[in-house]
Amino acid sequence: MTAITERVLNDALSLSPIERAELIQRLFQSFDVSKDNHIDTAWTEEVDSRVEAYGKGLLTASSAEDVLARINRR
C-alpha cells in the first residue's frame, strides 16, 4: 500500500462501526459503473416482496445453521 492508502486506512479504522460501514458502502458503490440499473431494481423489488410475504406469514425462514448444514451436505 502507498503511504496515502495507509493513512486513509488508519483514519477509517478510527471511525465508528456505522461510519465504517457507510464508507465501505460508498467505496463499493464507486466500482459500479453500470448505467443500467434494471438488475438492482429487480432485486430490490424481489427483496421487498419477500420481506412483505414473510411479515404476512406467507414465507418461513431457516436459521443460518440449517442453511449451512444443507450446503455442507452437498
Protein backbone atom coordinates (compact mmCIF):
# COMPACT_ATOMS: atom_id res chain seq x y z
CA MET A 1 0.00 0.00 0.00
CA THR A 2 1.08 3.53 -0.61
CA ALA A 3 1.59 5.96 2.26
CA ILE A 4 -1.63 7.75 1.33
CA THR A 5 -3.57 4.48 1.35
CA GLU A 6 -2.12 3.57 4.76
CA ARG A 7 -3.12 7.00 6.12
CA VAL A 8 -6.66 6.65 4.74
CA LEU A 9 -6.94 3.16 6.22
CA ASN A 10 -5.75 4.32 9.64
CA ASP A 11 -8.19 7.24 9.54
CA ALA A 12 -11.01 4.90 8.50
CA LEU A 13 -10.24 2.50 11.34
CA SER A 14 -10.74 5.33 13.82
CA LEU A 15 -14.34 5.80 12.65
CA SER A 16 -17.33 4.31 14.44
CA PRO A 17 -18.62 0.98 13.10
CA ILE A 18 -21.58 2.72 11.45
CA GLU A 19 -19.33 5.27 9.77
CA ARG A 20 -17.03 2.49 8.56
CA ALA A 21 -20.00 0.58 7.14
CA GLU A 22 -21.20 3.69 5.32
CA LEU A 23 -17.69 4.27 3.96
CA ILE A 24 -17.47 0.67 2.77
CA GLN A 25 -20.82 1.01 1.03
CA ARG A 26 -19.79 4.22 -0.72
CA LEU A 27 -16.46 2.74 -1.80
CA PHE A 28 -18.16 -0.42 -3.04
CA GLN A 29 -20.70 1.61 -4.98
CA SER A 30 -17.87 3.53 -6.63
CA PHE A 31 -16.99 0.34 -8.54
CA ASP A 32 -20.45 0.14 -10.08
CA VAL A 33 -20.09 1.98 -13.36
CA SER A 34 -23.23 0.39 -14.76
CA LYS A 35 -25.66 2.81 -16.31
CA ASP A 36 -28.38 0.16 -16.44
CA ASN A 37 -29.91 -0.33 -13.00
CA HIS A 38 -32.66 -2.74 -14.05
CA ILE A 39 -31.00 -5.64 -12.23
CA ASP A 40 -30.69 -3.65 -8.99
CA THR A 41 -34.29 -2.53 -9.34
CA ALA A 42 -35.49 -6.09 -9.93
CA TRP A 43 -33.58 -7.37 -6.89
CA THR A 44 -34.91 -4.55 -4.72
CA GLU A 45 -38.47 -5.41 -5.75
CA GLU A 46 -37.83 -9.11 -5.09
CA VAL A 47 -36.40 -8.44 -1.63
CA ASP A 48 -39.26 -6.11 -0.75
CA SER A 49 -41.76 -8.73 -1.92
CA ARG A 50 -40.14 -11.46 0.17
CA VAL A 51 -39.94 -9.29 3.28
CA GLU A 52 -43.61 -8.39 2.90
CA ALA A 53 -44.59 -12.05 2.41
CA TYR A 54 -42.55 -13.06 5.46
CA GLY A 55 -44.21 -10.32 7.51
CA LYS A 56 -47.64 -11.67 6.47
CA GLY A 57 -46.66 -15.21 7.42
CA LEU A 58 -46.67 -16.41 3.80
CA LEU A 59 -42.98 -17.39 3.92
CA THR A 60 -40.92 -19.07 6.58
CA ALA A 61 -37.25 -18.62 7.27
CA SER A 62 -34.45 -21.07 8.02
CA SER A 63 -31.76 -20.46 10.57
CA ALA A 64 -28.23 -19.83 9.36
CA GLU A 65 -27.21 -23.13 10.96
CA ASP A 66 -29.81 -25.05 8.92
CA VAL A 67 -28.80 -23.34 5.69
CA LEU A 68 -25.09 -24.04 6.26
CA ALA A 69 -25.83 -27.65 7.16
CA ARG A 70 -27.74 -28.11 3.89
CA ILE A 71 -24.89 -26.55 1.94
CA ASN A 72 -22.32 -28.76 3.66
CA ARG A 73 -24.32 -31.92 2.87
CA ARG A 74 -23.91 -31.26 -0.88
